[in-house]
N, C-alpha and C. Protein backbone atom coordinates (compact mmCIF):
# COMPACT_ATOMS: atom_id res chain seq x y z
N MET A 1 -36.79 13.39 -178.99
CA MET A 1 -38.15 12.89 -178.77
C MET A 1 -39.15 14.29 -178.82
N LEU A 2 -39.67 14.49 -180.26
CA LEU A 2 -41.02 15.88 -180.23
C LEU A 2 -42.36 15.84 -179.00
N LEU A 3 -42.77 14.52 -179.80
CA LEU A 3 -43.70 14.45 -179.05
C LEU A 3 -43.79 12.95 -177.97
N PRO A 4 -44.50 12.68 -177.01
CA PRO A 4 -44.41 11.58 -175.93
C PRO A 4 -44.80 10.60 -176.81
N TYR A 5 -44.23 9.25 -176.49
CA TYR A 5 -44.80 8.01 -177.05
C TYR A 5 -46.11 7.88 -176.20
N GLN A 6 -46.73 7.07 -176.53
CA GLN A 6 -48.24 6.48 -175.88
C GLN A 6 -48.04 4.97 -175.98
N PRO A 7 -48.65 4.24 -174.98
CA PRO A 7 -48.73 2.90 -175.00
C PRO A 7 -49.83 2.47 -175.66
N LEU A 8 -49.69 1.22 -176.19
CA LEU A 8 -50.39 0.38 -177.19
C LEU A 8 -51.29 -0.20 -176.13
N THR A 9 -50.85 -0.49 -174.83
CA THR A 9 -51.43 -1.48 -174.07
C THR A 9 -51.00 -0.81 -172.44
N ALA A 10 -51.14 -1.56 -171.60
CA ALA A 10 -51.17 -0.70 -170.33
C ALA A 10 -49.66 0.03 -170.15
N PRO A 11 -49.84 1.29 -169.77
CA PRO A 11 -48.42 2.05 -169.73
C PRO A 11 -47.57 1.42 -168.54
N LEU A 12 -46.51 2.04 -168.94
CA LEU A 12 -45.33 1.57 -167.97
C LEU A 12 -44.91 3.37 -167.29
N PRO A 13 -44.08 3.17 -166.33
CA PRO A 13 -44.26 4.25 -165.55
C PRO A 13 -43.25 5.17 -166.70
N GLN A 14 -43.70 6.28 -166.51
CA GLN A 14 -42.80 7.21 -167.41
C GLN A 14 -41.36 7.01 -167.56
N GLU A 15 -40.38 6.96 -166.36
CA GLU A 15 -39.26 6.69 -166.18
C GLU A 15 -38.55 5.62 -166.91
N GLU A 16 -39.56 4.78 -166.50
CA GLU A 16 -38.79 3.48 -166.97
C GLU A 16 -38.86 3.42 -168.42
N TRP A 17 -40.07 3.68 -168.94
CA TRP A 17 -40.19 3.50 -170.70
C TRP A 17 -38.80 4.34 -171.29
N GLN A 18 -38.93 5.75 -170.70
CA GLN A 18 -38.05 6.52 -171.06
C GLN A 18 -36.36 6.23 -171.23
N ARG A 19 -36.36 5.41 -169.89
CA ARG A 19 -35.04 5.12 -169.82
C ARG A 19 -34.44 4.14 -170.81
N ASP A 20 -35.65 2.62 -171.11
CA ASP A 20 -35.67 1.75 -172.35
C ASP A 20 -35.47 2.38 -173.61
N PHE A 21 -36.25 3.49 -173.64
CA PHE A 21 -35.88 4.32 -175.34
C PHE A 21 -34.81 4.79 -175.42
N ARG A 22 -33.95 5.37 -174.52
CA ARG A 22 -32.65 6.18 -174.70
C ARG A 22 -31.88 4.92 -175.07
N GLN A 23 -31.83 3.78 -174.59
CA GLN A 23 -30.92 2.97 -174.72
C GLN A 23 -30.93 1.66 -175.74
N ALA A 24 -32.66 2.10 -176.52
CA ALA A 24 -33.03 0.96 -177.58
C ALA A 24 -32.14 1.16 -178.75
N ARG A 25 -32.02 0.33 -179.64
CA ARG A 25 -31.31 -0.07 -180.89
C ARG A 25 -32.54 0.35 -182.09
N ARG A 26 -32.22 1.44 -182.75
CA ARG A 26 -32.95 2.31 -183.54
C ARG A 26 -32.61 1.57 -184.97
N ILE A 27 -33.71 1.62 -185.62
CA ILE A 27 -33.73 0.62 -187.05
C ILE A 27 -35.01 1.51 -187.64
N LYS A 28 -34.47 2.70 -188.58
CA LYS A 28 -35.29 3.46 -189.48
C LYS A 28 -36.42 3.86 -188.08
N SER A 29 -37.86 3.55 -188.39
CA SER A 29 -38.99 3.93 -187.35
C SER A 29 -38.85 3.15 -186.01
N VAL A 30 -38.65 2.16 -186.06
CA VAL A 30 -38.34 0.94 -185.17
C VAL A 30 -37.25 1.02 -184.01
N ARG A 31 -37.51 1.05 -182.76
CA ARG A 31 -36.31 1.16 -181.53
C ARG A 31 -36.91 -0.19 -180.55
N PHE A 32 -35.68 -0.95 -181.13
CA PHE A 32 -35.82 -2.38 -180.02
C PHE A 32 -35.17 -2.41 -178.53
N GLY A 33 -36.21 -1.74 -177.55
CA GLY A 33 -35.09 -1.82 -176.19
C GLY A 33 -35.11 -3.13 -175.64
N ALA A 34 -34.98 -3.08 -174.31
CA ALA A 34 -34.68 -4.12 -173.49
C ALA A 34 -36.07 -4.98 -173.14
N GLU A 35 -37.15 -3.79 -172.82
CA GLU A 35 -38.43 -4.04 -172.35
C GLU A 35 -39.48 -3.95 -173.43
N CYS A 36 -39.13 -2.99 -174.00
CA CYS A 36 -40.39 -2.36 -175.15
C CYS A 36 -39.95 -2.42 -176.61
N LEU A 37 -41.11 -2.45 -177.56
CA LEU A 37 -40.67 -2.34 -178.73
C LEU A 37 -41.26 -0.88 -178.86
N TYR A 38 -40.69 0.24 -179.82
CA TYR A 38 -40.98 1.46 -179.92
C TYR A 38 -41.38 1.83 -181.45
N LEU A 39 -42.37 2.16 -181.91
CA LEU A 39 -42.81 2.47 -182.97
C LEU A 39 -43.13 3.83 -183.48
N SER A 40 -42.33 4.34 -184.04
CA SER A 40 -42.47 5.75 -184.39
C SER A 40 -43.72 6.41 -185.55
N ARG A 41 -43.76 7.32 -185.56
CA ARG A 41 -45.26 7.81 -186.29
C ARG A 41 -44.11 8.67 -187.37
N PHE A 42 -45.22 9.22 -188.48
CA PHE A 42 -44.39 10.27 -189.51
C PHE A 42 -43.33 11.08 -188.78
N ALA A 43 -42.20 11.10 -189.24
CA ALA A 43 -41.01 12.06 -188.85
C ALA A 43 -40.85 12.43 -187.43
N GLY A 44 -41.00 11.08 -186.86
CA GLY A 44 -40.63 10.94 -185.61
C GLY A 44 -41.52 11.90 -184.69
N LEU A 45 -42.41 12.02 -184.93
CA LEU A 45 -43.38 12.96 -184.20
C LEU A 45 -44.35 11.95 -183.28
N GLY A 46 -43.67 11.60 -181.99
CA GLY A 46 -44.16 10.75 -181.15
C GLY A 46 -44.21 9.13 -181.77
N GLY A 47 -45.09 8.40 -181.23
CA GLY A 47 -45.25 7.09 -181.64
C GLY A 47 -46.10 6.45 -180.60
N ARG A 48 -45.86 4.97 -180.86
CA ARG A 48 -46.24 3.92 -179.69
C ARG A 48 -45.37 3.15 -178.95
N TYR A 49 -45.75 2.68 -177.78
CA TYR A 49 -44.27 1.57 -177.64
C TYR A 49 -45.49 0.54 -176.71
N ILE A 50 -45.11 -0.70 -176.91
CA ILE A 50 -45.65 -1.92 -176.32
C ILE A 50 -44.57 -2.61 -175.94
N PRO A 51 -44.78 -3.29 -174.42
CA PRO A 51 -43.53 -4.05 -173.41
C PRO A 51 -43.76 -5.55 -174.67
N TYR A 52 -42.90 -6.25 -174.82
CA TYR A 52 -42.87 -7.21 -175.33
C TYR A 52 -43.67 -8.31 -174.81
N ARG A 53 -43.59 -8.15 -173.74
CA ARG A 53 -44.72 -9.61 -173.10
C ARG A 53 -46.25 -8.97 -173.47
N ASP A 54 -46.80 -8.02 -174.02
CA ASP A 54 -47.92 -7.76 -174.47
C ASP A 54 -48.28 -7.93 -176.31
N ILE A 55 -46.75 -8.46 -176.67
CA ILE A 55 -47.20 -8.68 -177.95
C ILE A 55 -47.79 -9.99 -178.35
N VAL A 56 -48.61 -10.15 -179.28
CA VAL A 56 -49.36 -11.29 -179.40
C VAL A 56 -48.39 -11.93 -180.67
N ARG A 57 -48.35 -11.34 -181.92
CA ARG A 57 -47.48 -11.83 -182.83
C ARG A 57 -46.87 -10.72 -183.53
N TRP A 58 -45.87 -10.78 -184.44
CA TRP A 58 -45.49 -9.78 -185.32
C TRP A 58 -45.00 -10.16 -186.64
N TYR A 59 -44.52 -9.34 -187.48
CA TYR A 59 -44.11 -9.87 -189.07
C TYR A 59 -43.69 -8.62 -189.70
N ILE A 60 -43.13 -8.88 -190.68
CA ILE A 60 -42.71 -7.85 -191.48
C ILE A 60 -43.22 -8.24 -192.97
N GLN A 61 -44.04 -6.73 -192.93
CA GLN A 61 -44.94 -7.05 -194.46
C GLN A 61 -44.41 -5.89 -195.66
N LEU A 62 -44.12 -6.40 -196.78
CA LEU A 62 -43.54 -6.31 -197.95
C LEU A 62 -44.59 -5.46 -198.82
N LYS A 63 -44.93 -4.20 -199.20
CA LYS A 63 -45.68 -4.08 -199.89
C LYS A 63 -44.91 -3.81 -201.51
N GLU A 64 -45.33 -3.72 -202.45
CA GLU A 64 -44.87 -3.48 -203.79
C GLU A 64 -45.87 -2.46 -204.80
N ALA A 65 -45.27 -1.90 -205.57
CA ALA A 65 -46.07 -1.09 -206.66
C ALA A 65 -45.26 -0.80 -207.75
N THR A 66 -45.76 -0.54 -209.01
CA THR A 66 -44.65 -0.92 -210.09
C THR A 66 -45.17 0.62 -210.80
N GLY A 67 -44.67 1.40 -210.97
CA GLY A 67 -44.43 3.07 -211.35
C GLY A 67 -43.64 3.12 -212.31
N GLY A 68 -44.11 2.99 -213.78
CA GLY A 68 -43.45 3.35 -215.05
C GLY A 68 -42.27 1.71 -214.97
N GLU A 69 -41.08 2.41 -215.30
CA GLU A 69 -40.36 0.97 -215.13
C GLU A 69 -39.63 0.26 -214.05
N ALA A 70 -40.14 0.90 -212.63
CA ALA A 70 -39.38 0.76 -211.34
C ALA A 70 -40.52 -0.11 -210.71
N THR A 71 -40.14 -0.78 -209.79
CA THR A 71 -40.98 -1.41 -208.79
C THR A 71 -40.50 -0.81 -207.49
N PHE A 72 -41.57 -0.63 -206.52
CA PHE A 72 -41.17 0.24 -205.46
C PHE A 72 -41.48 -0.54 -204.25
N HIS A 73 -40.98 -0.74 -203.15
CA HIS A 73 -40.78 -1.75 -202.32
C HIS A 73 -40.83 -0.84 -201.19
N SER A 74 -42.04 -1.48 -200.09
CA SER A 74 -42.14 -0.58 -199.00
C SER A 74 -42.52 -1.64 -197.66
N TYR A 75 -41.52 -1.63 -196.93
CA TYR A 75 -41.31 -2.74 -195.51
C TYR A 75 -41.72 -2.11 -194.40
N ARG A 76 -42.55 -2.82 -193.73
CA ARG A 76 -43.29 -2.55 -192.82
C ARG A 76 -43.08 -3.35 -191.20
N LEU A 77 -43.39 -3.13 -190.34
CA LEU A 77 -42.97 -3.80 -188.86
C LEU A 77 -44.34 -3.75 -188.30
N VAL A 78 -45.23 -4.95 -188.53
CA VAL A 78 -46.33 -4.97 -188.01
C VAL A 78 -46.40 -5.79 -186.87
N VAL A 79 -47.48 -5.37 -185.57
CA VAL A 79 -47.41 -5.55 -184.37
C VAL A 79 -48.95 -6.15 -183.77
N ASN A 80 -49.09 -7.34 -183.59
CA ASN A 80 -50.36 -7.54 -183.30
C ASN A 80 -50.45 -7.70 -181.69
N TYR A 81 -51.28 -6.95 -181.08
CA TYR A 81 -51.76 -7.26 -179.60
C TYR A 81 -53.00 -7.19 -179.12
N GLY A 82 -53.05 -7.88 -177.93
CA GLY A 82 -54.66 -8.01 -177.78
C GLY A 82 -55.62 -8.71 -178.52
N ALA A 83 -56.65 -8.59 -178.74
CA ALA A 83 -57.80 -9.54 -179.49
C ALA A 83 -57.69 -9.15 -180.90
N GLU A 84 -57.66 -7.85 -181.04
CA GLU A 84 -57.74 -7.17 -182.62
C GLU A 84 -56.70 -5.92 -182.77
N GLY A 85 -56.06 -5.83 -181.80
CA GLY A 85 -55.14 -4.65 -181.53
C GLY A 85 -53.98 -4.61 -182.91
N GLU A 86 -53.44 -3.49 -183.60
CA GLU A 86 -52.58 -3.71 -184.80
C GLU A 86 -51.79 -2.41 -184.61
N TRP A 87 -50.81 -2.34 -184.94
CA TRP A 87 -49.97 -1.08 -185.00
C TRP A 87 -48.66 -1.44 -186.06
N ALA A 88 -48.24 -0.51 -187.01
CA ALA A 88 -47.35 -0.67 -187.94
C ALA A 88 -46.08 0.45 -188.14
N ALA A 89 -44.95 0.40 -188.64
CA ALA A 89 -44.10 1.38 -188.30
C ALA A 89 -43.03 1.20 -189.56
N SER A 90 -43.06 2.02 -190.33
CA SER A 90 -41.89 2.07 -191.99
C SER A 90 -40.14 1.31 -191.32
N LEU A 91 -39.64 0.47 -192.13
CA LEU A 91 -38.49 0.04 -191.99
C LEU A 91 -37.87 0.73 -193.11
N GLY A 92 -38.65 1.69 -193.66
CA GLY A 92 -37.61 2.48 -194.69
C GLY A 92 -38.39 3.39 -195.80
N GLU A 93 -37.64 3.84 -196.68
CA GLU A 93 -38.18 5.11 -197.59
C GLU A 93 -39.05 4.31 -198.75
N TYR A 94 -39.89 4.92 -199.61
CA TYR A 94 -40.36 4.33 -200.55
C TYR A 94 -39.61 4.63 -201.72
N SER A 95 -38.97 3.96 -202.46
CA SER A 95 -37.60 3.77 -203.14
C SER A 95 -37.26 2.82 -204.11
N ALA A 96 -37.34 2.76 -205.35
CA ALA A 96 -36.60 1.80 -206.54
C ALA A 96 -35.86 0.77 -205.91
N ASN A 97 -34.93 1.26 -205.25
CA ASN A 97 -33.57 0.46 -204.58
C ASN A 97 -33.54 -0.06 -203.44
N LEU A 98 -34.79 0.44 -202.56
CA LEU A 98 -35.23 0.21 -201.21
C LEU A 98 -34.62 -1.33 -200.46
N ASN A 99 -34.56 -2.37 -201.31
CA ASN A 99 -33.97 -3.64 -201.01
C ASN A 99 -32.69 -3.55 -200.35
N GLU A 100 -31.92 -2.34 -201.28
CA GLU A 100 -30.63 -1.81 -200.76
C GLU A 100 -30.53 -1.29 -199.17
N ARG A 101 -31.53 -0.74 -199.09
CA ARG A 101 -31.10 0.05 -197.94
C ARG A 101 -32.25 -0.18 -196.58
N THR A 102 -33.12 -1.34 -197.07
CA THR A 102 -33.79 -1.71 -195.53
C THR A 102 -33.24 -3.17 -195.01
N PRO A 103 -32.65 -2.62 -193.76
CA PRO A 103 -31.82 -3.54 -193.34
C PRO A 103 -32.80 -4.99 -192.16
N GLU A 104 -33.53 -5.63 -193.31
CA GLU A 104 -34.27 -6.32 -192.85
C GLU A 104 -33.82 -7.43 -192.25
N ALA A 105 -32.31 -8.14 -192.55
CA ALA A 105 -31.81 -9.43 -191.91
C ALA A 105 -31.57 -8.72 -190.23
N GLU A 106 -31.21 -7.04 -190.10
CA GLU A 106 -30.70 -7.17 -188.52
C GLU A 106 -32.12 -6.68 -187.94
N VAL A 107 -33.22 -6.69 -188.54
CA VAL A 107 -34.49 -6.57 -187.60
C VAL A 107 -34.54 -7.95 -187.42
N ARG A 108 -34.90 -8.95 -188.40
CA ARG A 108 -35.15 -10.08 -188.39
C ARG A 108 -34.09 -10.88 -187.23
N ALA A 109 -32.71 -10.45 -187.02
CA ALA A 109 -32.03 -10.97 -186.06
C ALA A 109 -32.38 -10.04 -184.38
N LEU A 110 -32.96 -9.17 -184.23
CA LEU A 110 -33.52 -8.55 -183.33
C LEU A 110 -34.76 -9.13 -182.78
N MET A 111 -35.51 -9.46 -183.88
CA MET A 111 -36.97 -10.35 -183.58
C MET A 111 -36.64 -11.33 -182.96
N ALA A 112 -35.81 -12.40 -183.62
CA ALA A 112 -35.49 -13.58 -182.81
C ALA A 112 -35.04 -13.51 -181.73
N GLN A 113 -34.66 -12.73 -181.30
CA GLN A 113 -34.11 -12.21 -179.78
C GLN A 113 -35.32 -12.74 -178.95
N HIS A 114 -36.57 -12.57 -179.17
CA HIS A 114 -38.12 -12.86 -178.67
C HIS A 114 -38.53 -14.38 -179.21
N PRO A 115 -38.00 -15.33 -178.85
CA PRO A 115 -38.71 -16.15 -179.56
C PRO A 115 -40.14 -16.87 -179.29
N GLU A 116 -40.35 -16.18 -177.93
CA GLU A 116 -41.40 -16.19 -177.27
C GLU A 116 -42.58 -15.72 -178.03
N ILE A 117 -42.24 -14.48 -179.09
CA ILE A 117 -43.43 -14.08 -179.90
C ILE A 117 -43.57 -14.55 -181.20
N PRO A 118 -44.72 -15.39 -181.61
CA PRO A 118 -44.91 -15.97 -182.85
C PRO A 118 -44.69 -14.92 -184.18
N LEU A 119 -43.71 -15.29 -185.28
CA LEU A 119 -43.62 -14.66 -186.22
C LEU A 119 -44.48 -15.01 -187.59
N GLY A 120 -45.02 -13.89 -188.13
CA GLY A 120 -45.73 -14.58 -189.05
C GLY A 120 -47.23 -13.71 -188.91
N ARG A 121 -47.73 -13.28 -190.24
CA ARG A 121 -49.14 -12.95 -190.00
C ARG A 121 -50.06 -14.06 -189.71
N ASP A 122 -51.04 -13.77 -189.00
CA ASP A 122 -52.54 -15.02 -188.84
C ASP A 122 -53.42 -14.94 -189.55
N PRO A 123 -53.55 -15.52 -190.74
CA PRO A 123 -54.58 -15.13 -191.63
C PRO A 123 -55.86 -15.39 -191.09
N GLN A 124 -56.13 -15.72 -190.35
CA GLN A 124 -57.53 -15.77 -189.49
C GLN A 124 -57.59 -14.37 -188.72
N ARG A 125 -56.51 -13.61 -188.57
CA ARG A 125 -56.81 -12.29 -188.06
C ARG A 125 -57.20 -10.89 -188.84
N LYS A 126 -57.99 -10.24 -188.55
CA LYS A 126 -58.42 -9.10 -189.20
C LYS A 126 -57.05 -8.21 -189.53
N THR A 127 -56.72 -7.67 -190.44
CA THR A 127 -55.59 -6.46 -190.62
C THR A 127 -56.08 -5.36 -191.46
N ARG A 128 -55.63 -4.51 -190.74
CA ARG A 128 -55.67 -3.07 -191.69
C ARG A 128 -54.58 -2.80 -192.54
N PHE A 129 -53.62 -3.61 -192.88
CA PHE A 129 -52.53 -3.71 -193.25
C PHE A 129 -52.28 -4.49 -194.47
N ARG A 130 -52.91 -4.50 -195.80
CA ARG A 130 -52.88 -5.60 -196.67
C ARG A 130 -52.51 -4.36 -198.08
C-alpha cells in the first residue's frame, strides 16, 4: 500500500482497518474485508474504505463504447453512502474482451454475503457515474 486509505465515513482505528485490509479478498481494484469494503484508486495509489454498515446501496455499473469494429466494456463497483455520497472502483481494464476477464460473478457472490445492503442503482439518487 503506497498511500494510506482514507475513510468515506467515520474512520476506524488504523490497526483495525489495516488488519481487515490485509485479510481482505481482492478483485481488481476492490477488496472485500470482513468489516469493510476497500476501493482502490488508479495504480493502487491509496483509496477509500467504508464499513459495510455505512453502505446505503451498491451496484455494478457497465459502460460500453464502440471504437472501430470493437465494443469496449468497463465495469465498476459503485457504492452509495450517506445522503449523497458516492464512490466507485474499477473491476477491470478497458478492453474489447473485458467480459472474459471481469470476474463479475465472483463480485456478485461476495456482494450477496451482505443481503442487508440493497443492490442496484436508485433512480431517485443523483449520480456522478453515468
